[in-house]
Amino acid sequence: MKNFFDYPESIKLPGSPELIENLLHGPGMCRVERIISWGHATREGQWYDQELDEWILVVEGAAVLECEGKGEIRLRRGDNLFLPRHLRHRVLGTSRPCIWLAIHGDMSIPPRNGEA
């Protein structure tokens, strides 16, 4: 068993990449990740434009994201955010550490009882 809050000391070294671990990978392109950031930010001019929906939860720490057309979004411990597929977004900065839980997949919700 592994503790969700443990991370390698090497994440603290300058220039170290974020740690992204696949915790679960299911059928139908469903994926659950643990992400450890240490003051990381997306490179200037780079945007994420993903093929799948993503739901993120900040488990520890804080982060600032920028979503195209929505501006800056500040997240702190316990905050979560749904990022629909193809919503261009980037990380402006994180705390040291910032521990995320990310779920990727097709999160379309089918209509209930005849709703359209």
PDB file of N, CA and C in Angstrom:
ATOM      1  N   MET A   1       0.859  -1.178   0.000  1.00  0.00           N
ATOM      2  CA  MET A   1       0.000   0.000   0.000  1.00  0.00           C
ATOM      3  C   MET A   1       0.896   1.229   0.000  1.00  0.00           C
ATOM      4  N   LYS A   2       0.455   2.253  -0.700  1.00  0.00           N
ATOM      5  CA  LYS A   2       1.213   3.492  -0.825  1.00  0.00           C
ATOM      6  C   LYS A   2       0.390   4.643  -0.245  1.00  0.00           C
ATOM      7  N   ASN A   3       1.042   5.555   0.460  1.00  0.00           N
ATOM      8  CA  ASN A   3       0.358   6.715   1.025  1.00  0.00           C
ATOM      9  C   ASN A   3       0.165   7.769  -0.058  1.00  0.00           C
ATOM     10  N   PHE A   4      -1.054   8.259  -0.217  1.00  0.00           N
ATOM     11  CA  PHE A   4      -1.399   9.230  -1.259  1.00  0.00           C
ATOM     12  C   PHE A   4      -0.590  10.518  -1.133  1.00  0.00           C
ATOM     13  N   PHE A   5      -0.159  10.862   0.088  1.00  0.00           N
ATOM     14  CA  PHE A   5       0.534  12.124   0.330  1.00  0.00           C
ATOM     15  C   PHE A   5       2.053  12.028   0.233  1.00  0.00           C
ATOM     16  N   ASP A   6       2.594  10.827   0.061  1.00  0.00           N
ATOM     17  CA  ASP A   6       4.042  10.660  -0.087  1.00  0.00           C
ATOM     18  C   ASP A   6       4.470  11.021  -1.508  1.00  0.00           C
ATOM     19  N   TYR A   7       5.633  11.616  -1.624  1.00  0.00           N
ATOM     20  CA  TYR A   7       6.186  11.944  -2.946  1.00  0.00           C
ATOM     21  C   TYR A   7       7.705  11.938  -2.837  1.00  0.00           C
ATOM     22  N   PRO A   8       8.382  11.733  -3.960  1.00  0.00           N
ATOM     23  CA  PRO A   8       9.848  11.680  -3.920  1.00  0.00           C
ATOM     24  C   PRO A   8      10.444  13.060  -3.665  1.00  0.00           C
ATOM     25  N   GLU A   9      11.534  13.112  -2.939  1.00  0.00           N
ATOM     26  CA  GLU A   9      12.228  14.376  -2.659  1.00  0.00           C
ATOM     27  C   GLU A   9      12.712  15.047  -3.940  1.00  0.00           C
ATOM     28  N   SER A  10      12.935  14.249  -4.982  1.00  0.00           N
ATOM     29  CA  SER A  10      13.459  14.800  -6.241  1.00  0.00           C
ATOM     30  C   SER A  10      12.506  15.812  -6.884  1.00  0.00           C
ATOM     31  N   ILE A  11      11.228  15.781  -6.514  1.00  0.00           N
ATOM     32  CA  ILE A  11      10.267  16.745  -7.069  1.00  0.00           C
ATOM     33  C   ILE A  11      10.660  18.178  -6.695  1.00  0.00           C
ATOM     34  N   LYS A  12      11.428  18.328  -5.615  1.00  0.00           N
ATOM     35  CA  LYS A  12      11.822  19.646  -5.123  1.00  0.00           C
ATOM     36  C   LYS A  12      13.016  20.236  -5.880  1.00  0.00           C
ATOM     37  N   LEU A  13      13.685  19.432  -6.686  1.00  0.00           N
ATOM     38  CA  LEU A  13      14.868  19.913  -7.411  1.00  0.00           C
ATOM     39  C   LEU A  13      14.462  20.849  -8.537  1.00  0.00           C
ATOM     40  N   PRO A  14      15.203  21.952  -8.733  1.00  0.00           N
ATOM     41  CA  PRO A  14      14.881  22.879  -9.826  1.00  0.00           C
ATOM     42  C   PRO A  14      14.837  22.148 -11.170  1.00  0.00           C
ATOM     43  N   GLY A  15      13.817  22.454 -11.942  1.00  0.00           N
ATOM     44  CA  GLY A  15      13.677  21.855 -13.268  1.00  0.00           C
ATOM     45  C   GLY A  15      13.030  20.481 -13.276  1.00  0.00           C
ATOM     46  N   SER A  16      12.691  19.948 -12.103  1.00  0.00           N
ATOM     47  CA  SER A  16      12.040  18.635 -12.062  1.00  0.00           C
ATOM     48  C   SER A  16      10.619  18.749 -12.603  1.00  0.00           C
ATOM     49  N   PRO A  17      10.191  17.772 -13.392  1.00  0.00           N
ATOM     50  CA  PRO A  17       8.810  17.804 -13.902  1.00  0.00           C
ATOM     51  C   PRO A  17       7.819  17.426 -12.813  1.00  0.00           C
ATOM     52  N   GLU A  18       6.563  17.756 -13.051  1.00  0.00           N
ATOM     53  CA  GLU A  18       5.503  17.281 -12.171  1.00  0.00           C
ATOM     54  C   GLU A  18       5.523  15.759 -12.164  1.00  0.00           C
ATOM     55  N   LEU A  19       5.060  15.186 -11.073  1.00  0.00           N
ATOM     56  CA  LEU A  19       4.913  13.736 -10.985  1.00  0.00           C
ATOM     57  C   LEU A  19       3.469  13.411 -11.341  1.00  0.00           C
ATOM     58  N   ILE A  20       3.279  12.618 -12.379  1.00  0.00           N
ATOM     59  CA  ILE A  20       1.936  12.205 -12.789  1.00  0.00           C
ATOM     60  C   ILE A  20       1.895  10.685 -12.751  1.00  0.00           C
ATOM     61  N   GLU A  21       1.040  10.158 -11.875  1.00  0.00           N
ATOM     62  CA  GLU A  21       0.911   8.713 -11.708  1.00  0.00           C
ATOM     63  C   GLU A  21      -0.489   8.268 -12.098  1.00  0.00           C
ATOM     64  N   ASN A  22      -0.574   7.278 -12.963  1.00  0.00           N
ATOM     65  CA  ASN A  22      -1.864   6.661 -13.271  1.00  0.00           C
ATOM     66  C   ASN A  22      -2.228   5.732 -12.128  1.00  0.00           C
ATOM     67  N   LEU A  23      -3.330   6.026 -11.449  1.00  0.00           N
ATOM     68  CA  LEU A  23      -3.793   5.180 -10.352  1.00  0.00           C
ATOM     69  C   LEU A  23      -4.734   4.097 -10.856  1.00  0.00           C
ATOM     70  N   LEU A  24      -5.583   4.457 -11.808  1.00  0.00           N
ATOM     71  CA  LEU A  24      -6.537   3.523 -12.416  1.00  0.00           C
ATOM     72  C   LEU A  24      -6.680   3.881 -13.885  1.00  0.00           C
ATOM     73  N   HIS A  25      -6.802   2.851 -14.687  1.00  0.00           N
ATOM     74  CA  HIS A  25      -7.040   3.078 -16.112  1.00  0.00           C
ATOM     75  C   HIS A  25      -8.067   2.050 -16.536  1.00  0.00           C
ATOM     76  N   GLY A  26      -9.278   2.511 -16.799  1.00  0.00           N
ATOM     77  CA  GLY A  26     -10.359   1.591 -17.086  1.00  0.00           C
ATOM     78  C   GLY A  26     -10.726   1.565 -18.551  1.00  0.00           C
ATOM     79  N   PRO A  27     -11.692   0.732 -18.896  1.00  0.00           N
ATOM     80  CA  PRO A  27     -12.165   0.668 -20.273  1.00  0.00           C
ATOM     81  C   PRO A  27     -12.865   1.972 -20.656  1.00  0.00           C
ATOM     82  N   GLY A  28     -12.962   2.219 -21.945  1.00  0.00           N
ATOM     83  CA  GLY A  28     -13.658   3.421 -22.391  1.00  0.00           C
ATOM     84  C   GLY A  28     -12.899   4.689 -22.104  1.00  0.00           C
ATOM     85  N   MET A  29     -11.583   4.611 -22.020  1.00  0.00           N
ATOM     86  CA  MET A  29     -10.713   5.781 -21.865  1.00  0.00           C
ATOM     87  C   MET A  29     -10.912   6.502 -20.537  1.00  0.00           C
ATOM     88  N   CYS A  30     -11.281   5.820 -19.494  1.00  0.00           N
ATOM     89  CA  CYS A  30     -11.372   6.409 -18.155  1.00  0.00           C
ATOM     90  C   CYS A  30     -10.002   6.285 -17.490  1.00  0.00           C
ATOM     91  N   ARG A  31      -9.531   7.370 -16.882  1.00  0.00           N
ATOM     92  CA  ARG A  31      -8.211   7.363 -16.248  1.00  0.00           C
ATOM     93  C   ARG A  31      -8.259   8.204 -14.978  1.00  0.00           C
ATOM     94  N   VAL A  32      -7.646   7.706 -13.897  1.00  0.00           N
ATOM     95  CA  VAL A  32      -7.540   8.433 -12.632  1.00  0.00           C
ATOM     96  C   VAL A  32      -6.061   8.644 -12.365  1.00  0.00           C
ATOM     97  N   GLU A  33      -5.677   9.903 -12.090  1.00  0.00           N
ATOM     98  CA  GLU A  33      -4.278  10.245 -11.878  1.00  0.00           C
ATOM     99  C   GLU A  33      -4.081  10.948 -10.543  1.00  0.00           C
ATOM    100  N   ARG A  34      -2.889  10.754  -9.993  1.00  0.00           N
ATOM    101  CA  ARG A  34      -2.396  11.572  -8.889  1.00  0.00           C
ATOM    102  C   ARG A  34      -1.304  12.441  -9.484  1.00  0.00           C
ATOM    103  N   ILE A  35      -1.398  13.742  -9.258  1.00  0.00           N
ATOM    104  CA  ILE A  35      -0.417  14.692  -9.782  1.00  0.00           C
ATOM    105  C   ILE A  35       0.199  15.428  -8.602  1.00  0.00           C
ATOM    106  N   ILE A  36       1.528  15.466  -8.562  1.00  0.00           N
ATOM    107  CA  ILE A  36       2.237  16.227  -7.544  1.00  0.00           C
ATOM    108  C   ILE A  36       2.956  17.365  -8.254  1.00  0.00           C
ATOM    109  N   SER A  37       2.622  18.597  -7.897  1.00  0.00           N
ATOM    110  CA  SER A  37       3.273  19.790  -8.441  1.00  0.00           C
ATOM    111  C   SER A  37       4.072  20.444  -7.326  1.00  0.00           C
ATOM    112  N   TRP A  38       5.140  21.107  -7.691  1.00  0.00           N
ATOM    113  CA  TRP A  38       5.993  21.803  -6.721  1.00  0.00           C
ATOM    114  C   TRP A  38       6.353  23.166  -7.319  1.00  0.00           C
ATOM    115  N   GLY A  39       5.396  24.103  -7.268  1.00  0.00           N
ATOM    116  CA  GLY A  39       5.626  25.413  -7.857  1.00  0.00           C
ATOM    117  C   GLY A  39       5.604  25.390  -9.378  1.00  0.00           C
ATOM    118  N   HIS A  40       5.000  24.381  -9.957  1.00  0.00           N
ATOM    119  CA  HIS A  40       4.999  24.239 -11.407  1.00  0.00           C
ATOM    120  C   HIS A  40       4.009  25.192 -12.076  1.00  0.00           C
ATOM    121  N   ALA A  41       4.293  25.499 -13.328  1.00  0.00           N
ATOM    122  CA  ALA A  41       3.405  26.304 -14.174  1.00  0.00           C
ATOM    123  C   ALA A  41       3.561  25.814 -15.608  1.00  0.00           C
ATOM    124  N   THR A  42       2.490  25.950 -16.368  1.00  0.00           N
ATOM    125  CA  THR A  42       2.543  25.619 -17.789  1.00  0.00           C
ATOM    126  C   THR A  42       3.400  26.664 -18.499  1.00  0.00           C
ATOM    127  N   ARG A  43       4.243  26.203 -19.421  1.00  0.00           N
ATOM    128  CA  ARG A  43       5.102  27.145 -20.147  1.00  0.00           C
ATOM    129  C   ARG A  43       4.281  28.235 -20.834  1.00  0.00           C
ATOM    130  N   GLU A  44       4.835  29.440 -20.858  1.00  0.00           N
ATOM    131  CA  GLU A  44       4.188  30.594 -21.500  1.00  0.00           C
ATOM    132  C   GLU A  44       3.795  30.227 -22.929  1.00  0.00           C
ATOM    133  N   GLY A  45       2.564  30.522 -23.294  1.00  0.00           N
ATOM    134  CA  GLY A  45       2.077  30.256 -24.643  1.00  0.00           C
ATOM    135  C   GLY A  45       1.562  28.846 -24.862  1.00  0.00           C
ATOM    136  N   GLN A  46       1.778  27.930 -23.900  1.00  0.00           N
ATOM    137  CA  GLN A  46       1.300  26.553 -24.034  1.00  0.00           C
ATOM    138  C   GLN A  46      -0.066  26.424 -23.369  1.00  0.00           C
ATOM    139  N   TRP A  47      -0.974  25.712 -24.011  1.00  0.00           N
ATOM    140  CA  TRP A  47      -2.308  25.461 -23.473  1.00  0.00           C
ATOM    141  C   TRP A  47      -2.602  23.968 -23.560  1.00  0.00           C
ATOM    142  N   TYR A  48      -3.343  23.454 -22.595  1.00  0.00           N
ATOM    143  CA  TYR A  48      -3.861  22.094 -22.683  1.00  0.00           C
ATOM    144  C   TYR A  48      -5.184  22.161 -23.433  1.00  0.00           C
ATOM    145  N   ASP A  49      -5.370  21.277 -24.397  1.00  0.00           N
ATOM    146  CA  ASP A  49      -6.606  21.152 -25.165  1.00  0.00           C
ATOM    147  C   ASP A  49      -6.845  19.654 -25.300  1.00  0.00           C
ATOM    148  N   GLN A  50      -7.571  19.091 -24.358  1.00  0.00           N
ATOM    149  CA  GLN A  50      -7.664  17.648 -24.199  1.00  0.00           C
ATOM    150  C   GLN A  50      -8.866  17.049 -24.912  1.00  0.00           C
ATOM    151  N   GLU A  51      -8.699  15.800 -25.322  1.00  0.00           N
ATOM    152  CA  GLU A  51      -9.761  15.054 -26.006  1.00  0.00           C
ATOM    153  C   GLU A  51     -10.829  14.536 -25.052  1.00  0.00           C
ATOM    154  N   LEU A  52     -10.496  14.473 -23.749  1.00  0.00           N
ATOM    155  CA  LEU A  52     -11.429  13.954 -22.749  1.00  0.00           C
ATOM    156  C   LEU A  52     -11.793  15.031 -21.736  1.00  0.00           C
ATOM    157  N   ASP A  53     -12.959  14.891 -21.118  1.00  0.00           N
ATOM    158  CA  ASP A  53     -13.328  15.741 -19.985  1.00  0.00           C
ATOM    159  C   ASP A  53     -12.369  15.444 -18.842  1.00  0.00           C
ATOM    160  N   GLU A  54     -12.191  16.430 -17.944  1.00  0.00           N
ATOM    161  CA  GLU A  54     -11.333  16.225 -16.778  1.00  0.00           C
ATOM    162  C   GLU A  54     -11.984  16.873 -15.560  1.00  0.00           C
ATOM    163  N   TRP A  55     -12.004  16.126 -14.477  1.00  0.00           N
ATOM    164  CA  TRP A  55     -12.444  16.655 -13.190  1.00  0.00           C
ATOM    165  C   TRP A  55     -11.230  16.634 -12.284  1.00  0.00           C
ATOM    166  N   ILE A  56     -10.915  17.787 -11.664  1.00  0.00           N
ATOM    167  CA  ILE A  56      -9.749  17.872 -10.795  1.00  0.00           C
ATOM    168  C   ILE A  56     -10.175  18.261  -9.381  1.00  0.00           C
ATOM    169  N   LEU A  57      -9.431  17.734  -8.419  1.00  0.00           N
ATOM    170  CA  LEU A  57      -9.624  18.036  -7.004  1.00  0.00           C
ATOM    171  C   LEU A  57      -8.261  18.365  -6.420  1.00  0.00           C
ATOM    172  N   VAL A  58      -8.146  19.509  -5.764  1.00  0.00           N
ATOM    173  CA  VAL A  58      -6.913  19.833  -5.053  1.00  0.00           C
ATOM    174  C   VAL A  58      -7.020  19.192  -3.681  1.00  0.00           C
ATOM    175  N   VAL A  59      -6.205  18.171  -3.453  1.00  0.00           N
ATOM    176  CA  VAL A  59      -6.235  17.416  -2.205  1.00  0.00           C
ATOM    177  C   VAL A  59      -5.394  18.116  -1.140  1.00  0.00           C
ATOM    178  N   GLU A  60      -4.311  18.742  -1.576  1.00  0.00           N
ATOM    179  CA  GLU A  60      -3.418  19.469  -0.666  1.00  0.00           C
ATOM    180  C   GLU A  60      -2.792  20.616  -1.431  1.00  0.00           C
ATOM    181  N   GLY A  61      -2.686  21.789  -0.787  1.00  0.00           N
ATOM    182  CA  GLY A  61      -2.035  22.932  -1.408  1.00  0.00           C
ATOM    183  C   GLY A  61      -3.004  23.848  -2.134  1.00  0.00           C
ATOM    184  N   ALA A  62      -2.482  24.506  -3.172  1.00  0.00           N
ATOM    185  CA  ALA A  62      -3.273  25.483  -3.928  1.00  0.00           C
ATOM    186  C   ALA A  62      -2.709  25.611  -5.333  1.00  0.00           C
ATOM    187  N   ALA A  63      -3.546  26.118  -6.240  1.00  0.00           N
ATOM    188  CA  ALA A  63      -3.129  26.318  -7.622  1.00  0.00           C
ATOM    189  C   ALA A  63      -3.938  27.454  -8.238  1.00  0.00           C
ATOM    190  N   VAL A  64      -3.367  28.060  -9.266  1.00  0.00           N
ATOM    191  CA  VAL A  64      -4.074  29.060 -10.060  1.00  0.00           C
ATOM    192  C   VAL A  64      -4.064  28.568 -11.497  1.00  0.00           C
ATOM    193  N   LEU A  65      -5.251  28.447 -12.073  1.00  0.00           N
ATOM    194  CA  LEU A  65      -5.398  28.043 -13.465  1.00  0.00           C
ATOM    195  C   LEU A  65      -5.921  29.211 -14.274  1.00  0.00           C
ATOM    196  N   GLU A  66      -5.681  29.169 -15.556  1.00  0.00           N
ATOM    197  CA  GLU A  66      -6.299  30.108 -16.487  1.00  0.00           C
ATOM    198  C   GLU A  66      -7.054  29.278 -17.508  1.00  0.00           C
ATOM    199  N   CYS A  67      -8.338  29.578 -17.676  1.00  0.00           N
ATOM    200  CA  CYS A  67      -9.164  28.899 -18.668  1.00  0.00           C
ATOM    201  C   CYS A  67      -9.556  29.918 -19.730  1.00  0.00           C
ATOM    202  N   GLU A  68      -9.395  29.544 -20.975  1.00  0.00           N
ATOM    203  CA  GLU A  68      -9.692  30.457 -22.076  1.00  0.00           C
ATOM    204  C   GLU A  68     -11.145  30.928 -21.990  1.00  0.00           C
ATOM    205  N   GLY A  69     -11.330  32.222 -22.003  1.00  0.00           N
ATOM    206  CA  GLY A  69     -12.653  32.812 -21.937  1.00  0.00           C
ATOM    207  C   GLY A  69     -13.224  32.926 -20.537  1.00  0.00           C
ATOM    208  N   LYS A  70     -12.537  32.388 -19.535  1.00  0.00           N
ATOM    209  CA  LYS A  70     -13.036  32.424 -18.157  1.00  0.00           C
ATOM    210  C   LYS A  70     -12.077  33.122 -17.211  1.00  0.00           C
ATOM    211  N   GLY A  71     -10.838  33.369 -17.644  1.00  0.00           N
ATOM    212  CA  GLY A  71      -9.859  34.046 -16.806  1.00  0.00           C
ATOM    213  C   GLY A  71      -9.226  33.128 -15.785  1.00  0.00           C
ATOM    214  N   GLU A  72      -8.720  33.737 -14.709  1.00  0.00           N
ATOM    215  CA  GLU A  72      -8.015  32.988 -13.662  1.00  0.00           C
ATOM    216  C   GLU A  72      -8.995  32.336 -12.698  1.00  0.00           C
ATOM    217  N   ILE A  73      -8.645  31.126 -12.290  1.00  0.00           N
ATOM    218  CA  ILE A  73      -9.428  30.384 -11.305  1.00  0.00           C
ATOM    219  C   ILE A  73      -8.475  29.942 -10.209  1.00  0.00           C
ATOM    220  N   ARG A  74      -8.741  30.365  -8.986  1.00  0.00           N
ATOM    221  CA  ARG A  74      -7.909  29.992  -7.840  1.00  0.00           C
ATOM    222  C   ARG A  74      -8.541  28.794  -7.144  1.00  0.00           C
ATOM    223  N   LEU A  75      -7.714  27.793  -6.923  1.00  0.00           N
ATOM    224  CA  LEU A  75      -8.161  26.577  -6.246  1.00  0.00           C
ATOM    225  C   LEU A  75      -7.315  26.361  -5.004  1.00  0.00           C
ATOM    226  N   ARG A  76      -7.955  25.957  -3.927  1.00  0.00           N
ATOM    227  CA  ARG A  76      -7.220  25.618  -2.712  1.00  0.00           C
ATOM    228  C   ARG A  76      -7.709  24.257  -2.240  1.00  0.00           C
ATOM    229  N   ARG A  77      -7.094  23.768  -1.208  1.00  0.00           N
ATOM    230  CA  ARG A  77      -7.400  22.434  -0.693  1.00  0.00           C
ATOM    231  C   ARG A  77      -8.915  22.213  -0.614  1.00  0.00           C
ATOM    232  N   GLY A  78      -9.356  21.138  -1.232  1.00  0.00           N
ATOM    233  CA  GLY A  78     -10.774  20.777  -1.212  1.00  0.00           C
ATOM    234  C   GLY A  78     -11.562  21.301  -2.396  1.00  0.00           C
ATOM    235  N   ASP A  79     -11.013  22.262  -3.136  1.00  0.00           N
ATOM    236  CA  ASP A  79     -11.725  22.797  -4.304  1.00  0.00           C
ATOM    237  C   ASP A  79     -11.615  21.827  -5.474  1.00  0.00           C
ATOM    238  N   ASN A  80     -12.677  21.772  -6.268  1.00  0.00           N
ATOM    239  CA  ASN A  80     -12.662  20.930  -7.461  1.00  0.00           C
ATOM    240  C   ASN A  80     -13.187  21.723  -8.640  1.00  0.00           C
ATOM    241  N   LEU A  81     -12.874  21.238  -9.831  1.00  0.00           N
ATOM    242  CA  LEU A  81     -13.229  21.952 -11.053  1.00  0.00           C
ATOM    243  C   LEU A  81     -13.443  20.948 -12.168  1.00  0.00           C
ATOM    244  N   PHE A  82     -14.495  21.144 -12.937  1.00  0.00           N
ATOM    245  CA  PHE A  82     -14.754  20.329 -14.130  1.00  0.00           C
ATOM    246  C   PHE A  82     -14.252  21.087 -15.351  1.00  0.00           C
ATOM    247  N   LEU A  83     -13.416  20.442 -16.137  1.00  0.00           N
ATOM    248  CA  LEU A  83     -12.875  21.024 -17.368  1.00  0.00           C
ATOM    249  C   LEU A  83     -13.405  20.209 -18.544  1.00  0.00           C
ATOM    250  N   PRO A  84     -14.411  20.729 -19.260  1.00  0.00           N
ATOM    251  CA  PRO A  84     -14.927  19.970 -20.398  1.00  0.00           C
ATOM    252  C   PRO A  84     -13.861  19.818 -21.481  1.00  0.00           C
ATOM    253  N   ARG A  85     -13.957  18.735 -22.220  1.00  0.00           N
ATOM    254  CA  ARG A  85     -12.999  18.498 -23.301  1.00  0.00           C
ATOM    255  C   ARG A  85     -12.885  19.723 -24.202  1.00  0.00           C
ATOM    256  N   HIS A  86     -11.702  19.980 -24.643  1.00  0.00           N
ATOM    257  CA  HIS A  86     -11.350  21.085 -25.544  1.00  0.00           C
ATOM    258  C   HIS A  86     -11.470  22.474 -24.926  1.00  0.00           C
ATOM    259  N   LEU A  87     -11.684  22.562 -23.609  1.00  0.00           N
ATOM    260  CA  LEU A  87     -11.575  23.870 -22.951  1.00  0.00           C
ATOM    261  C   LEU A  87     -10.080  24.126 -22.763  1.00  0.00           C
ATOM    262  N   ARG A  88      -9.559  25.077 -23.494  1.00  0.00           N
ATOM    263  CA  ARG A  88      -8.128  25.378 -23.379  1.00  0.00           C
ATOM    264  C   ARG A  88      -7.854  25.959 -22.004  1.00  0.00           C
ATOM    265  N   HIS A  89      -6.838  25.382 -21.342  1.00  0.00           N
ATOM    266  CA  HIS A  89      -6.503  25.817 -19.986  1.00  0.00           C
ATOM    267  C   HIS A  89      -5.015  25.620 -19.739  1.00  0.00           C
ATOM    268  N   ARG A  90      -4.534  26.322 -18.712  1.00  0.00           N
ATOM    269  CA  ARG A  90      -3.120  26.218 -18.337  1.00  0.00           C
ATOM    270  C   ARG A  90      -2.983  26.474 -16.848  1.00  0.00           C
ATOM    271  N   VAL A  91      -1.891  25.981 -16.267  1.00  0.00           N
ATOM    272  CA  VAL A  91      -1.593  26.192 -14.848  1.00  0.00           C
ATOM    273  C   VAL A  91      -0.664  27.394 -14.752  1.00  0.00           C
ATOM    274  N   LEU A  92      -1.082  28.420 -14.012  1.00  0.00           N
ATOM    275  CA  LEU A  92      -0.257  29.620 -13.832  1.00  0.00           C
ATOM    276  C   LEU A  92       0.734  29.451 -12.693  1.00  0.00           C
ATOM    277  N   GLY A  93       0.404  28.599 -11.720  1.00  0.00           N
ATOM    278  CA  GLY A  93       1.316  28.338 -10.611  1.00  0.00           C
ATOM    279  C   GLY A  93       0.669  27.452  -9.579  1.00  0.00           C
ATOM    280  N   THR A  94       1.527  26.800  -8.773  1.00  0.00           N
ATOM    281  CA  THR A  94       1.035  25.938  -7.698  1.00  0.00           C
ATOM    282  C   THR A  94       1.851  26.174  -6.432  1.00  0.00           C
ATOM    283  N   SER A  95       1.302  25.712  -5.336  1.00  0.00           N
ATOM    284  CA  SER A  95       2.035  25.731  -4.064  1.00  0.00           C
ATOM    285  C   SER A  95       3.084  24.622  -4.090  1.00  0.00           C
ATOM    286  N   ARG A  96       3.835  24.534  -2.993  1.00  0.00           N
ATOM    287  CA  ARG A  96       4.897  23.526  -2.852  1.00  0.00           C
ATOM    288  C   ARG A  96       4.660  22.709  -1.598  1.00  0.00           C
ATOM    289  N   PRO A  97       3.986  21.601  -1.662  1.00  0.00           N
ATOM    290  CA  PRO A  97       3.488  20.901  -2.839  1.00  0.00           C
ATOM    291  C   PRO A  97       2.032  21.262  -3.144  1.00  0.00           C
ATOM    292  N   CYS A  98       1.598  20.827  -4.304  1.00  0.00           N
ATOM    293  CA  CYS A  98       0.178  20.813  -4.659  1.00  0.00           C
ATOM    294  C   CYS A  98      -0.108  19.386  -5.104  1.00  0.00           C
ATOM    295  N   ILE A  99      -1.037  18.740  -4.411  1.00  0.00           N
ATOM    296  CA  ILE A  99      -1.380  17.357  -4.724  1.00  0.00           C
ATOM    297  C   ILE A  99      -2.792  17.345  -5.308  1.00  0.00           C
ATOM    298  N   TRP A 100      -2.898  16.823  -6.515  1.00  0.00           N
ATOM    299  CA  TRP A 100      -4.152  16.803  -7.265  1.00  0.00           C
ATOM    300  C   TRP A 100      -4.647  15.371  -7.436  1.00  0.00           C
ATOM    301  N   LEU A 101      -5.957  15.234  -7.566  1.00  0.00           N
ATOM    302  CA  LEU A 101      -6.579  14.010  -8.053  1.00  0.00           C
ATOM    303  C   LEU A 101      -7.288  14.425  -9.334  1.00  0.00           C
ATOM    304  N   ALA A 102      -6.996  13.743 -10.427  1.00  0.00           N
ATOM    305  CA  ALA A 102      -7.597  14.088 -11.725  1.00  0.00           C
ATOM    306  C   ALA A 102      -8.273  12.853 -12.305  1.00  0.00           C
ATOM    307  N   ILE A 103      -9.495  13.039 -12.769  1.00  0.00           N
ATOM    308  CA  ILE A 103     -10.238  11.965 -13.429  1.00  0.00           C
ATOM    309  C   ILE A 103     -10.529  12.425 -14.850  1.00  0.00           C
ATOM    310  N   HIS A 104     -10.099  11.616 -15.819  1.00  0.00           N
ATOM    311  CA  HIS A 104     -10.293  11.909 -17.241  1.00  0.00           C
ATOM    312  C   HIS A 104     -11.258  10.883 -17.817  1.00  0.00           C
ATOM    313  N   GLY A 105     -12.142  11.333 -18.677  1.00  0.00           N
ATOM    314  CA  GLY A 105     -13.048  10.392 -19.344  1.00  0.00           C
ATOM    315  C   GLY A 105     -14.175  11.116 -20.038  1.00  0.00           C
ATOM    316  N   ASP A 106     -15.092  10.323 -20.570  1.00  0.00           N
ATOM    317  CA  ASP A 106     -16.299  10.867 -21.187  1.00  0.00           C
ATOM    318  C   ASP A 106     -17.305  11.036 -20.061  1.00  0.00           C
ATOM    319  N   MET A 107     -17.490  12.272 -19.642  1.00  0.00           N
ATOM    320  CA  MET A 107     -18.348  12.525 -18.489  1.00  0.00           C
ATOM    321  C   MET A 107     -19.685  13.122 -18.900  1.00  0.00           C
ATOM    322  N   SER A 108     -20.112  12.818 -20.111  1.00  0.00           N
ATOM    323  CA  SER A 108     -21.427  13.263 -20.542  1.00  0.00           C
ATOM    324  C   SER A 108     -22.484  12.581 -19.678  1.00  0.00           C
ATOM    325  N   ILE A 109     -23.448  13.344 -19.244  1.00  0.00           N
ATOM    326  CA  ILE A 109     -24.503  12.805 -18.408  1.00  0.00           C
ATOM    327  C   ILE A 109     -25.743  12.609 -19.274  1.00  0.00           C
ATOM    328  N   PRO A 110     -26.215  11.360 -19.399  1.00  0.00           N
ATOM    329  CA  PRO A 110     -27.390  11.128 -20.256  1.00  0.00           C
ATOM    330  C   PRO A 110     -28.640  11.765 -19.653  1.00  0.00           C
ATOM    331  N   PRO A 111     -29.582  12.167 -20.506  1.00  0.00           N
ATOM    332  CA  PRO A 111     -30.838  12.734 -20.002  1.00  0.00           C
ATOM    333  C   PRO A 111     -31.589  11.731 -19.131  1.00  0.00           C
ATOM    334  N   ARG A 112     -32.313  12.269 -18.132  1.00  0.00           N
ATOM    335  CA  ARG A 112     -33.094  11.426 -17.222  1.00  0.00           C
ATOM    336  C   ARG A 112     -34.567  11.477 -17.599  1.00  0.00           C
ATOM    337  N   ASN A 113     -35.212  10.345 -17.609  1.00  0.00           N
ATOM    338  CA  ASN A 113     -36.678  10.229 -17.769  1.00  0.00           C
ATOM    339  C   ASN A 113     -37.250  11.185 -18.805  1.00  0.00           C
ATOM    340  N   GLY A 114     -36.770  11.126 -20.011  1.00  0.00           N
ATOM    341  CA  GLY A 114     -37.342  11.913 -21.096  1.00  0.00           C
ATOM    342  C   GLY A 114     -36.853  13.348 -21.178  1.00  0.00           C
ATOM    343  N   GLU A 115     -35.953  13.788 -20.282  1.00  0.00           N
ATOM    344  CA  GLU A 115     -35.413  15.137 -20.377  1.00  0.00           C
ATOM    345  C   GLU A 115     -34.526  15.225 -21.601  1.00  0.00           C
ATOM    346  N   ALA A 116     -34.484  16.380 -22.209  1.00  0.00           N
ATOM    347  CA  ALA A 116     -33.627  16.551 -23.392  1.00  0.00           C
ATOM    348  C   ALA A 116     -32.480  17.455 -23.085  1.00  0.00           C
TER     349      ALA A 116
END
